[in-house]
Every structure is written in C-alpha cells, then in structure tokens.
Protein backbone atom coordinates (compact mmCIF):
# COMPACT_ATOMS: atom_id res chain seq x y z
CA MET A 1 13.49 31.13 -61.15
CA ILE A 2 16.57 32.05 -63.21
CA SER A 3 14.46 33.65 -65.96
CA ARG A 4 12.75 35.80 -63.35
CA VAL A 5 16.13 37.05 -62.11
CA LEU A 6 17.21 37.91 -65.67
CA LYS A 7 14.05 39.96 -66.20
CA ILE A 8 14.71 41.95 -63.04
CA LEU A 9 18.28 42.60 -64.16
CA CYS A 10 17.01 43.99 -67.46
CA PHE A 11 14.56 46.12 -65.59
CA VAL A 12 17.42 47.58 -63.48
CA ILE A 13 19.41 48.46 -66.57
CA LEU A 14 16.52 50.18 -68.26
CA CYS A 15 15.66 52.13 -65.11
CA SER A 16 19.20 53.12 -64.25
CA GLY A 17 18.41 56.75 -64.94
CA GLN A 18 15.37 56.95 -62.65
CA ASP A 19 15.23 58.29 -59.14
CA GLU A 20 16.55 56.58 -55.99
CA PHE A 21 13.06 55.33 -55.08
CA VAL A 22 12.83 53.15 -58.17
CA SER A 23 16.44 52.00 -57.71
CA GLU A 24 15.76 51.01 -54.09
CA ILE A 25 12.62 49.07 -54.98
CA THR A 26 14.47 47.25 -57.75
CA THR A 27 17.30 46.33 -55.44
CA GLN A 28 14.90 44.95 -52.85
CA SER A 29 13.05 42.96 -55.50
CA LEU A 30 16.30 41.52 -56.84
CA SER A 31 17.43 40.60 -53.37
CA THR A 32 14.14 38.85 -52.66
CA ASP A 33 14.26 36.83 -55.86
CA MET A 34 17.86 35.79 -55.21
CA ASN A 35 16.74 34.39 -51.80
CA ILE A 36 13.89 32.49 -53.51
CA THR A 37 16.37 31.05 -56.03
CA SER A 38 18.61 29.82 -53.24
CA GLU A 39 15.61 28.19 -51.55
CA VAL A 40 14.18 26.56 -54.64
CA PHE A 41 14.33 23.10 -53.07
CA CYS A 42 12.07 24.06 -50.21
CA ILE A 43 9.64 25.78 -52.56
CA LEU A 44 9.25 22.73 -54.80
CA CYS A 45 9.74 20.10 -52.07
CA GLU A 46 8.97 19.36 -48.49
CA CYS A 47 11.79 20.39 -46.21
CA SER A 48 12.14 19.41 -42.58
CA GLU A 49 14.98 18.97 -40.19
CA GLY A 50 17.62 16.98 -42.08
CA LEU A 51 15.20 15.84 -44.76
CA VAL A 52 14.32 17.10 -48.24
CA ASN A 53 11.44 15.17 -49.84
CA CYS A 54 11.01 15.91 -53.55
CA THR A 55 9.43 12.61 -54.58
CA ASN A 56 6.84 12.79 -57.37
CA ARG A 57 6.80 16.61 -57.63
CA GLN A 58 6.91 16.70 -61.48
CA ILE A 59 10.36 18.29 -61.49
CA LYS A 60 11.78 18.40 -64.99
CA GLU A 61 14.68 20.87 -64.86
CA PRO A 62 18.05 19.93 -63.36
CA PHE A 63 19.08 21.71 -60.18
CA GLU A 64 21.88 24.25 -60.47
CA LYS A 65 24.79 24.97 -58.15
CA ASP A 66 22.99 27.82 -56.39
CA ASP A 67 19.99 25.53 -55.76
CA TRP A 68 22.19 23.01 -53.96
CA GLU A 69 24.00 25.68 -51.98
CA GLY A 70 20.68 27.01 -50.80
CA LEU A 71 20.38 23.90 -48.65
CA VAL A 72 23.57 24.54 -46.65
CA SER A 73 21.75 26.04 -43.69
CA LEU A 74 19.25 23.13 -43.61
CA LYS A 75 22.08 20.58 -43.35
CA PRO A 76 20.09 17.75 -45.01
CA THR A 77 21.23 14.18 -44.42
CA LYS A 78 18.58 12.64 -46.65
CA ILE A 79 17.32 13.85 -50.04
CA ASP A 80 14.69 11.99 -52.07
CA LEU A 81 14.32 13.09 -55.72
CA SER A 82 12.63 9.90 -56.93
CA HIS A 83 9.75 9.75 -59.43
CA ASN A 84 10.52 12.98 -61.31
CA GLN A 85 11.74 13.74 -64.85
CA ILE A 86 15.26 14.96 -64.23
CA SER A 87 17.25 13.92 -67.26
CA THR A 88 20.59 15.41 -66.13
CA LEU A 89 22.22 15.40 -62.71
CA THR A 90 24.60 18.27 -62.14
CA ARG A 91 27.34 18.47 -59.55
CA ILE A 92 25.87 18.52 -56.05
CA GLY A 93 27.09 21.14 -53.57
CA LYS A 94 28.96 20.39 -50.37
CA LEU A 95 26.24 19.03 -48.11
CA PRO A 96 26.14 16.44 -45.31
CA ILE A 97 23.96 14.09 -47.40
CA GLN A 98 24.06 10.50 -46.28
CA TYR A 99 21.14 9.02 -48.23
CA LEU A 100 20.47 10.18 -51.79
CA ASN A 101 17.62 8.69 -53.83
CA ILE A 102 17.45 9.65 -57.52
CA SER A 103 15.51 6.58 -58.75
CA ASN A 104 12.72 6.59 -61.36
CA CYS A 105 13.77 9.97 -62.73
CA GLU A 106 14.40 9.19 -66.45
CA LEU A 107 18.00 10.12 -65.76
CA ILE A 108 20.20 9.98 -68.87
CA GLN A 109 23.35 11.89 -67.94
CA ILE A 110 25.38 12.40 -64.77
CA ASP A 111 28.01 15.15 -64.76
CA GLN A 112 31.50 14.03 -63.83
CA GLY A 113 32.23 14.55 -60.17
CA ALA A 114 28.53 14.95 -59.45
CA PHE A 115 28.95 13.38 -55.98
CA SER A 116 32.53 14.44 -55.25
CA ARG A 117 31.55 16.94 -52.53
CA LEU A 118 29.44 14.46 -50.58
CA GLN A 119 31.94 13.23 -48.03
CA ASP A 120 29.31 11.66 -45.79
CA LEU A 121 27.50 9.70 -48.53
CA VAL A 122 26.36 6.27 -47.30
CA SER A 123 23.66 5.23 -49.79
CA LEU A 124 23.11 6.21 -53.46
CA ASP A 125 20.10 4.94 -55.38
CA LEU A 126 20.20 5.51 -59.17
CA SER A 127 17.87 2.65 -60.06
CA ARG A 128 15.17 2.60 -62.74
CA ASN A 129 16.52 5.37 -64.91
CA LYS A 130 17.76 5.51 -68.51
CA LEU A 131 21.46 5.34 -67.81
CA ALA A 132 23.36 3.65 -70.59
CA THR A 133 26.86 2.25 -70.85
CA SER A 134 28.03 5.59 -72.26
CA SER A 135 26.89 7.29 -69.04
CA MET A 136 29.15 5.15 -66.95
CA VAL A 137 32.53 6.84 -67.12
CA ARG A 138 35.22 6.82 -64.46
CA GLY A 139 34.67 10.42 -63.37
CA VAL A 140 30.98 9.89 -62.58
CA PHE A 141 31.81 8.42 -59.17
CA ALA A 142 34.88 10.51 -58.43
CA GLY A 143 35.35 10.78 -54.70
CA PRO A 144 35.84 13.78 -52.39
CA MET A 145 38.90 15.92 -53.03
CA MET A 146 41.80 15.26 -50.67
CA THR A 147 45.33 16.62 -50.26
CA THR A 148 48.24 14.34 -51.12
CA ASP A 149 51.70 14.33 -49.57
CA ARG A 150 52.72 16.84 -52.21
CA GLN A 151 49.90 19.18 -51.21
CA ALA A 152 48.05 18.48 -54.43
CA LEU A 153 44.30 18.00 -54.58
CA THR A 154 43.12 14.67 -55.96
CA PRO A 155 39.91 12.63 -55.71
CA GLY A 156 39.88 10.13 -52.86
CA PRO A 157 37.62 7.29 -51.84
CA PHE A 158 34.16 7.67 -50.32
CA GLN A 159 34.96 6.65 -46.79
CA LYS A 160 31.38 6.04 -45.67
CA ILE A 161 29.71 4.62 -48.79
CA LYS A 162 27.90 1.31 -48.22
CA PHE A 163 25.13 1.00 -50.83
CA LEU A 164 24.95 1.72 -54.57
CA SER A 165 22.07 0.76 -56.87
CA LEU A 166 22.30 0.99 -60.63
CA ALA A 167 19.46 -1.50 -61.07
CA TYR A 168 17.10 -1.50 -64.03
CA ASN A 169 18.96 0.84 -66.34
CA ASP A 170 20.36 0.11 -69.81
CA ILE A 171 23.93 -0.79 -68.87
CA HIS A 172 25.61 -3.45 -71.01
CA SER A 173 29.12 -3.06 -69.64
CA LEU A 174 31.05 -1.20 -66.95
CA PRO A 175 34.37 0.57 -67.43
CA GLN A 176 37.31 -0.95 -65.55
CA ASP A 177 37.90 1.83 -63.01
CA LEU A 178 34.29 2.89 -62.46
CA PHE A 179 34.30 1.99 -58.75
CA ILE A 180 37.87 2.93 -57.97
CA PHE A 181 36.67 5.52 -55.45
CA MET A 182 34.07 3.23 -53.89
CA THR A 183 36.28 0.55 -52.41
CA PHE A 184 34.35 0.69 -49.09
CA LEU A 185 31.09 -0.27 -50.84
CA THR A 186 29.39 -3.27 -49.23
CA THR A 187 26.25 -3.62 -51.43
CA LEU A 188 26.07 -3.28 -55.23
CA ASP A 189 22.82 -3.74 -57.13
CA LEU A 190 23.13 -4.25 -60.91
CA SER A 191 19.81 -6.10 -61.29
CA GLY A 192 17.77 -5.61 -64.46
CA ASN A 193 20.61 -4.44 -66.69
CA PRO A 194 21.15 -6.31 -70.00
CA LEU A 195 24.67 -7.41 -69.21
CA ALA A 196 24.19 -10.81 -70.94
CA PHE A 197 27.92 -11.54 -70.63
CA ILE A 198 30.30 -10.20 -68.02
CA ASP A 199 33.33 -9.12 -70.01
CA GLN A 200 36.80 -8.53 -68.66
CA VAL A 201 36.42 -4.82 -68.01
CA THR A 202 33.14 -5.31 -66.21
CA MET A 203 34.66 -8.07 -64.11
CA ALA A 204 37.63 -5.82 -63.30
CA ALA A 205 35.29 -3.06 -62.14
CA ILE A 206 33.45 -5.42 -59.80
CA THR A 207 36.61 -7.11 -58.47
CA ASP A 208 37.84 -3.68 -57.28
CA LEU A 209 35.12 -3.84 -54.61
CA ILE A 210 37.06 -5.96 -52.15
CA ASN A 211 34.76 -5.06 -49.25
CA LEU A 212 31.61 -6.17 -51.08
CA LYS A 213 29.22 -8.20 -48.93
CA GLU A 214 26.18 -8.29 -51.21
CA LEU A 215 26.01 -8.47 -55.00
CA ARG A 216 22.71 -8.41 -56.91
CA LEU A 217 22.81 -9.66 -60.50
CA GLY A 218 19.18 -10.67 -60.94
CA SER A 219 17.52 -10.26 -64.35
CA CYS A 220 20.78 -9.55 -66.16
CA GLU A 221 20.32 -12.16 -68.97
CA LEU A 222 23.41 -14.00 -67.73
CA GLU A 223 24.23 -17.53 -68.95
CA THR A 224 27.45 -17.98 -67.01
CA LEU A 225 29.86 -16.30 -64.63
CA PRO A 226 33.48 -15.98 -65.79
CA GLU A 227 36.23 -17.69 -63.85
CA GLY A 228 37.80 -15.26 -61.36
CA MET A 229 34.58 -13.24 -61.09
CA LEU A 230 34.33 -13.63 -57.33
CA ARG A 231 37.92 -14.44 -56.46
CA ARG A 232 38.62 -11.10 -54.73
CA GLN A 233 35.26 -10.89 -53.03
CA ARG A 234 36.43 -12.75 -49.94
CA LYS A 235 33.82 -10.96 -47.79
CA LEU A 236 30.85 -11.70 -50.08
CA HIS A 237 27.94 -13.02 -48.01
CA ARG A 238 24.86 -12.55 -50.22
CA LEU A 239 24.52 -13.22 -53.98
CA ASP A 240 21.40 -12.86 -56.14
CA LEU A 241 21.55 -14.68 -59.49
CA SER A 242 17.79 -14.96 -59.97
CA ASP A 243 15.91 -14.58 -63.27
CA ASN A 244 18.85 -15.26 -65.55
CA ARG A 245 19.65 -17.92 -68.17
CA PHE A 246 21.79 -20.39 -66.24
CA THR A 247 21.33 -24.01 -67.44
CA THR A 248 24.05 -25.24 -65.07
CA VAL A 249 25.28 -24.06 -61.70
CA PRO A 250 28.22 -21.71 -62.43
CA ALA A 251 31.57 -23.07 -61.24
CA ALA A 252 32.53 -19.52 -60.14
CA LEU A 253 30.49 -20.10 -56.98
CA ASN A 254 33.52 -22.08 -55.75
CA GLU A 255 35.25 -18.72 -55.35
CA ALA A 256 32.72 -17.50 -52.76
CA PRO A 257 33.11 -19.87 -49.83
CA LYS A 258 31.72 -17.36 -47.31
CA LEU A 259 28.32 -17.02 -48.95
CA ILE A 260 25.46 -17.33 -46.46
CA TYR A 261 22.63 -16.49 -48.91
CA LEU A 262 22.10 -17.54 -52.52
CA ASN A 263 19.09 -16.73 -54.68
CA PHE A 264 18.96 -18.94 -57.82
CA ASP A 265 15.28 -18.43 -58.63
CA LYS A 266 13.93 -18.31 -62.17
CA ASN A 267 16.70 -20.01 -64.08
CA PRO A 268 16.18 -22.72 -66.80
CA LEU A 269 18.11 -25.39 -64.86
CA PRO A 270 16.86 -28.82 -66.08
CA SER A 271 18.25 -31.05 -63.32
CA ILE A 272 20.84 -31.48 -60.59
CA ASP A 273 22.02 -35.05 -60.97
CA LYS A 274 25.17 -34.78 -58.86
CA PRO A 275 26.91 -32.35 -56.47
CA THR A 276 27.70 -28.95 -58.00
CA ALA A 277 29.54 -25.82 -56.85
CA ILE A 278 26.63 -25.16 -54.49
CA SER A 279 27.67 -28.20 -52.44
CA ASN A 280 30.97 -26.52 -51.66
CA LEU A 281 29.25 -23.55 -49.96
CA THR A 282 29.66 -24.97 -46.50
CA ASN A 283 28.71 -21.62 -44.86
CA LEU A 284 25.51 -21.23 -46.82
CA GLN A 285 22.50 -20.72 -44.55
CA GLU A 286 19.73 -19.73 -47.00
CA LEU A 287 19.15 -21.20 -50.46
CA GLN A 288 16.32 -20.23 -52.86
CA MET A 289 15.62 -22.30 -55.96
CA CYS A 290 12.04 -21.44 -56.90
CA ARG A 291 10.25 -21.00 -60.21
CA LEU A 292 12.82 -23.03 -62.11
CA SER A 293 10.61 -23.71 -65.11
CA LYS A 294 12.61 -26.67 -66.44
CA LEU A 295 13.80 -28.36 -63.27
CA GLN A 296 12.66 -32.00 -63.21
CA SER A 297 14.84 -33.82 -60.73
CA ILE A 298 17.51 -33.55 -58.07
CA GLY A 299 19.65 -36.61 -57.59
CA ALA A 300 21.40 -38.08 -54.55
CA GLY A 301 23.72 -35.50 -53.00
CA GLY A 302 22.62 -32.86 -55.50
CA LEU A 303 22.31 -30.35 -52.68
CA GLY A 304 24.50 -32.22 -50.24
CA GLY A 305 27.38 -30.79 -48.28
CA LEU A 306 25.47 -27.76 -47.04
CA GLU A 307 26.27 -28.30 -43.41
CA SER A 308 25.24 -24.76 -42.33
CA LEU A 309 21.98 -24.66 -44.25
CA THR A 310 18.96 -23.61 -42.16
CA SER A 311 16.48 -22.47 -44.81
CA LEU A 312 15.65 -24.15 -48.15
CA ARG A 313 13.07 -22.78 -50.56
CA LEU A 314 12.51 -25.31 -53.36
CA CYS A 315 9.05 -24.31 -54.53
CA TYR A 316 6.89 -23.33 -57.53
CA ASN A 317 8.82 -25.65 -59.83
CA PRO A 318 6.03 -27.05 -62.04
CA ARG A 319 8.09 -29.91 -63.56
CA LEU A 320 9.89 -31.03 -60.41
CA THR A 321 8.71 -34.63 -59.98
CA THR A 322 11.73 -36.39 -58.49
CA LEU A 323 13.65 -35.65 -55.32
CA ASP A 324 16.03 -38.43 -54.40
CA PRO A 325 15.62 -39.39 -50.72
CA ASP A 326 19.27 -38.44 -50.21
CA PHE A 327 19.22 -35.19 -52.21
CA LEU A 328 20.32 -33.22 -49.13
CA ALA A 329 22.62 -35.89 -47.68
CA TRP A 330 26.37 -36.25 -47.84
CA THR A 331 29.07 -38.47 -46.35
CA ASP A 332 31.52 -36.93 -43.92
CA GLU A 333 35.19 -37.75 -43.40
CA ASP A 334 34.27 -40.75 -41.25
CA GLU A 335 32.07 -42.17 -43.97
CA VAL A 336 28.97 -41.30 -41.93
CA GLU A 337 25.88 -39.98 -43.71
CA ASP A 338 24.83 -36.53 -42.60
CA TRP A 339 22.07 -33.98 -43.30
CA PRO A 340 21.66 -30.22 -42.67
CA GLU A 341 19.74 -29.12 -39.57
CA LEU A 342 17.03 -27.23 -41.37
CA LYS A 343 14.74 -24.78 -39.59
CA GLU A 344 12.71 -23.85 -42.67
CA LEU A 345 11.73 -26.11 -45.57
CA TYR A 346 9.42 -25.04 -48.42
CA LEU A 347 8.55 -27.73 -51.01
CA ASN A 348 5.17 -26.30 -52.00
CA ASN A 349 3.71 -25.97 -55.51
CA ASN A 350 5.94 -28.51 -57.18
CA ASN A 351 4.94 -31.72 -58.99
CA LEU A 352 5.92 -34.09 -56.16
CA THR A 353 3.85 -37.18 -55.45
CA THR A 354 5.29 -37.74 -51.97
CA ILE A 355 7.53 -36.29 -49.26
CA ASP A 356 10.09 -38.93 -48.41
CA SER A 357 10.89 -39.40 -44.70
CA HIS A 358 14.60 -39.67 -45.61
CA PHE A 359 14.85 -36.08 -46.87
CA LEU A 360 15.90 -35.02 -43.36
CA ASP A 361 17.29 -36.69 -40.28
CA ARG A 362 15.63 -34.35 -37.79
CA TRP A 363 12.17 -33.30 -38.87
CA ASP A 364 11.38 -32.13 -35.35
CA GLN A 365 13.80 -29.21 -35.66
CA LEU A 366 11.70 -27.47 -38.36
CA THR A 367 10.01 -24.24 -37.33
CA ARG A 368 8.54 -23.20 -40.70
CA VAL A 369 7.35 -25.45 -43.46
CA ASP A 370 5.08 -25.61 -46.51
CA PHE A 371 4.38 -28.78 -48.47
CA SER A 372 1.10 -27.69 -50.01
CA ASN A 373 -0.18 -27.90 -53.58
CA ASN A 374 1.59 -31.01 -54.81
CA PRO A 375 -0.20 -33.88 -56.62
CA TYR A 376 0.25 -36.44 -53.83
CA VAL A 377 -0.28 -40.16 -54.37
CA CYS A 378 -1.82 -41.35 -51.10
CA ASP A 379 -0.66 -44.96 -50.92
CA CYS A 380 1.29 -47.00 -48.35
CA ASN A 381 4.47 -44.98 -49.15
CA SER A 382 2.73 -41.86 -47.76
CA GLN A 383 1.54 -43.41 -44.51
CA TRP A 384 4.22 -41.59 -42.57
CA MET A 385 2.96 -38.29 -43.96
CA VAL A 386 -0.39 -39.04 -42.34
CA ASP A 387 0.96 -40.29 -39.04
CA VAL A 388 4.04 -38.09 -38.51
CA LEU A 389 4.39 -35.23 -40.99
CA THR A 390 0.85 -33.90 -40.85
CA PRO A 391 0.80 -33.48 -37.04
CA LEU A 392 4.21 -31.84 -37.22
CA VAL A 393 3.06 -29.37 -39.91
CA GLU A 394 -0.13 -28.59 -37.98
CA ASN A 395 1.93 -27.70 -34.89
CA ILE A 396 4.27 -25.25 -36.61
CA ALA A 397 2.35 -23.90 -39.65
CA VAL A 398 0.23 -20.80 -39.17
CA ASP A 399 -1.42 -20.72 -42.59
CA GLY A 400 -3.26 -24.02 -42.50
CA SER A 401 -1.02 -25.49 -45.20
CA THR A 402 -2.06 -29.09 -44.36
CA GLU A 403 -5.50 -28.25 -45.74
CA HIS A 404 -3.76 -27.78 -49.10
CA MET A 405 -1.86 -31.07 -48.92
CA ILE A 406 -4.36 -32.93 -51.12
CA CYS A 407 -4.46 -36.46 -52.51
CA ARG A 408 -4.49 -36.65 -56.30
CA LYS A 409 -4.48 -40.47 -56.41
CA PRO A 410 -5.94 -43.07 -55.93
CA GLN A 411 -9.37 -42.20 -57.17
CA GLU A 412 -11.15 -43.17 -53.95
CA LEU A 413 -9.02 -40.70 -51.95
CA ARG A 414 -8.90 -37.92 -54.56
CA ALA A 415 -9.42 -34.39 -53.12
CA LEU A 416 -9.03 -35.56 -49.50
CA SER A 417 -6.54 -33.60 -47.42
CA PHE A 418 -3.92 -35.18 -45.21
CA THR A 419 -5.62 -33.58 -42.26
CA GLN A 420 -8.76 -35.54 -43.08
CA LEU A 421 -6.78 -38.75 -43.46
CA LYS A 422 -5.16 -38.15 -40.05
CA ASN A 423 -8.45 -37.33 -38.34
CA THR A 424 -10.02 -40.56 -39.60
CA SER A 425 -6.91 -42.63 -38.77
CA LYS A 426 -6.79 -43.75 -42.37
CA THR A 427 -4.49 -46.64 -43.24
CA LEU A 428 -3.12 -46.24 -46.74
CA THR A 429 -2.54 -49.28 -48.93
CA CYS A 430 -0.61 -50.08 -52.07
CA PRO A 431 -1.67 -52.34 -55.00
CA GLU A 432 -0.35 -55.93 -54.70
CA SER A 433 1.98 -55.45 -57.63
CA GLU A 434 3.61 -52.52 -55.89
CA ASN A 435 3.96 -54.54 -52.67
CA VAL A 436 5.86 -57.18 -54.55
CA MET A 437 8.15 -54.66 -56.14
CA GLU A 438 8.88 -53.13 -52.74
CA LEU A 439 10.14 -56.39 -51.14
CA PRO A 440 13.72 -56.22 -49.76
CA ILE A 441 16.41 -57.23 -52.20
CA PRO A 442 17.20 -60.68 -50.55
CA ASP A 443 13.49 -61.61 -50.53
CA MET A 444 13.11 -60.48 -54.10
CA ALA A 445 16.07 -62.69 -55.16
CA ILE A 446 14.56 -65.74 -53.49
CA LEU A 447 11.19 -65.10 -55.11
CA LEU A 448 12.83 -64.62 -58.49
CA GLY A 449 14.72 -67.93 -58.12
CA ILE A 450 11.54 -69.81 -57.30
CA MET A 451 9.76 -68.30 -60.25
CA ILE A 452 12.60 -69.24 -62.60
CA GLY A 453 12.58 -72.81 -61.24
CA ILE A 454 8.85 -73.14 -61.79
CA PHE A 455 9.04 -71.85 -65.34
CA ALA A 456 12.01 -74.11 -66.14
CA THR A 457 10.55 -77.38 -64.73
CA PHE A 458 6.97 -76.94 -65.92
CA PRO A 459 7.66 -77.85 -69.59
CA ILE A 460 9.56 -81.00 -68.50
CA VAL A 461 6.76 -82.18 -66.25
CA LEU A 462 4.23 -81.49 -68.99
CA ILE A 463 6.16 -83.57 -71.52
CA VAL A 464 6.49 -86.49 -69.09
CA VAL A 465 2.72 -86.46 -68.43
CA LEU A 466 1.90 -86.41 -72.13
CA LEU A 467 4.24 -89.29 -72.81
CA TRP A 468 2.70 -91.30 -69.96
CA ARG A 469 -0.84 -90.67 -71.20
CA ASN A 470 0.10 -91.82 -74.69
CA GLY A 471 1.43 -95.12 -73.32
CA TYR A 472 5.02 -94.36 -74.19
CA PHE A 473 6.38 -95.79 -70.96
CA GLN A 474 4.27 -99.01 -71.38
CA LYS A 475 5.64 -99.58 -74.86
CA CYS A 476 9.13 -99.10 -73.53
CA ARG A 477 8.51 -101.68 -70.74
CA ARG A 478 6.99 -104.21 -73.22
CA LYS A 479 9.94 -103.86 -75.53
CA SER A 480 12.31 -104.28 -72.67
CA ASN A 481 10.62 -107.51 -71.61
CA GLU A 482 10.72 -108.92 -75.14
CA ASP A 483 14.40 -108.21 -75.37
CA SER A 484 14.93 -110.10 -72.10
CA ASP A 485 12.97 -113.20 -73.35
CA ASN A 486 15.00 -113.32 -76.56
CA GLU A 487 18.22 -113.28 -74.62
CA GLU A 488 17.08 -116.22 -72.46
CA THR A 489 16.03 -118.28 -75.56
CA ASP A 490 19.41 -117.72 -77.16
CA ALA A 491 21.08 -118.96 -74.01
CA PHE A 492 19.31 -122.29 -74.15
C-alpha cells in the first residue's frame, strides 16, 4: 500500500504543470489510496464489531502506525494476528484492545513500548514465536504513559492486565525488571522455553509479580527451583511443573502454601519414600503425577498431609509397582490416622497388581475413578475388589473401565475382567504358602516356636532310638547289675 502511495506522489510531481483536470483526478486518487492505507487491516482481515480476525492470512509485513490508527473508528477490543509471518511488531496505536493474540507468527523482534498505548489490555499471547533472550528487554512491556506529581510523563502499570503467554519461544533468561509494569498480572505462561536453570535475574523478574495466581513452567528443562522462587507469590494457586527434569520434589514448594493445583507430570522422579514438600500443601485440591517414567514406589505417608485433596491423578506410570497402603495417610495432632476425602481417583495404566482397600477411608465418596489397565493378580488379596470395588466403579464410571480391569495372574483367571468375576460370584484363593505368610504376627510367632522345637528335639529323639536299637541301654543295665554283684561279694 505504501509503495502505491509513493507512485501517486511521483505522478503528481511530474504532472504539476498540467491542467486542473489532471490535478483534480490525481488529488482524488491520492485521497482514495490514503483511505485504503488507513483501512489496511479490514482489507487483509475480517473486521466486525469490536473484532479484527487476521489469523492465517499469510501476512508477512509488519503493520505501521497509520495501519493501527485506521482502526480507531472500529474500536476493536479483540485482535487476532496468529499464524502469520510477522517478524517484527511495531508500536501499536491507541486502541481499546483487551485481547491481543500474536502467537505462531515467527516473531523475532518487538519494538520498545509496543503495547504502551493499550490501556485496556487484559490478555497478551506471544506464544510459539522465535523470541530470544535478547528480545526480552525492559522497555518491551512498558506500560501506558501517566502523569506524575511533577507533571512529567512516565510509563505506568497495566491496570487491567491478567494474562501473558511467552510459551514456546527461545528464552533462556529474563531481565530483572521485565515485568515491572505488569504487577497486576495473574497468569504467566513460560512453558516450552529452555530455561534449564532459573538464575537470580529471572527469579527477580518473576517475584515482581506479587498478584500472580497461576505460573506455568512446563517443558522448561528444569532440574530444581531455587530457594525463594515462590516466596513473594503469596496468592499463587496453580503451578505447572510438568515435563521437566526433577528427580526430587523441589523444596521451594514449601513457599507456596496456598496452592490448590499442582501438575508434576512427566518428571524422572524414581520414588517417594517419605513425606516431601508436597505434603505441606494443605490447601492442595488437585494433584497430577502421570507419565513419571521412572517412578517405582510411593511409601507410607509419601503423599500424606493433603487434607484438602479432592482429585488425584496417578496414572500412566509404567514402572509404578508399589503403593504402600498408607501412601495417602497421615497422623493428626491427636495421633489419629486420617485420609483425604477424595472425589476423583485415577490409578489407571500403572504396573499395580492390586488396589489396596486401605488406600482410602471413604471409598463411597468417589464420583470419578479409573483403575483400568493394570496387571492385576487375582488372588485372595483382591477379593474385596470383586465384592466391593467393582460394584462401586460400575455405579460411577461412564466409560466401562471395569471391563479393562483384567486379571494377569493366576493363569486360570488370566484375561478375565473383574466384572466377570463379580457376575460369577467368584471366590479368589491364595496358594497355601501365601496363606501361611499372611498369618497375624502372634500366630506366626507361635508357629515359628513350634517349628524350632520340632527341629531341635528331632535329632535327640533319633539318637536315643538308634542307641536303643543297638542294645546300648541293655549293655548299660548289664554292667550296672555286675557292679552291684561285685559290691555284695566284697561285703561278705
């Protein structure tokens, strides 16, 4: 559009000596093209009341100041520029934009103060671009200009901003004051950036967001969270740490006592043998720990203390073979054992051989469950699953998950579902050796004592029998009698 205007200007200069007719036509043509330039958005995009939709329009050139100002009369509150090839974002004109989407645009550079005239901005999506650390300078997110007490103009905070996504760019670090004008931000998405380690300046940038309620750090190659990382985020309710490199639960979670949602999926955590920082999240309502490729066991109290927990997703962990019966339990101040009142429990697609009845105190409070696709051993230890758990799952599950609760062992029950076992009133048995091992401790002690006594006395009895059969005792009696006769003879 700009090149066309320049051509018309050249034409006016060349024709300046012609008659008024030519001059009038040229002026009209120039005026028309200037109007087209100011309405470039609505030529390239779809414009409607309050909305400008430019998604996937093969736009490659950055919009200029006049292009933005051409939208003043439209008063757009939402502009979608996603899925284009806009490498540079220039300063946006003064518009009542609330929702701005510039994702998937191969964006490399953002001019300083690009958003400083958007006083009503609520949501800004810059995800899936090519923004690097060098693109993140303090002035990029400079806020609207405001007058100070000394009548000087200075950038102020975005009063209405709530959401910012920088996800899936190439950001390794953030400058300390990057979000100084976004203190009202409630959701920050940094997922998919190769942060690897959160350094001091990055931590300082995040800790400025004192009103933050949701922080997304999934797929950031993180191995740990630095101490103090969440200390100022007293309002933080939701935290996504999925798809990172955590081998232990980060202690920094102790700094977020108001968390109600934690996503810890896809981390190489090998085991949870004792209570961790997660156990201190007494307000936590939803916990996700799925696709933990190395997780093998969770010990007693490993996820205890979660007194507000209502939803637990512990699924798709291919090596998870051991869940202690008390892995969700804890002891309160009165030394009374307690469990969370779960509404949703997902233990599907693990490597569990049974679902222990002691996992929960109130199974009847569950409203959504999935225990499918585990290699169950259908012996006497699983009888309660047939009699109690299967009917419960059938009453609340809508996906027929009991049909996928299949016996792996013993061989005679292999491939049978728990529904089939229930429908045939099957009584499950254990091998005799297992029955002995499962005796109560006092009974086992008595049995062990008897066995020791038998083994200790058997050799003695055997020796006595052998001696008797060889006439040893008769020889001893004969010798004793001879000795008595000799004594009597000596007496006479």
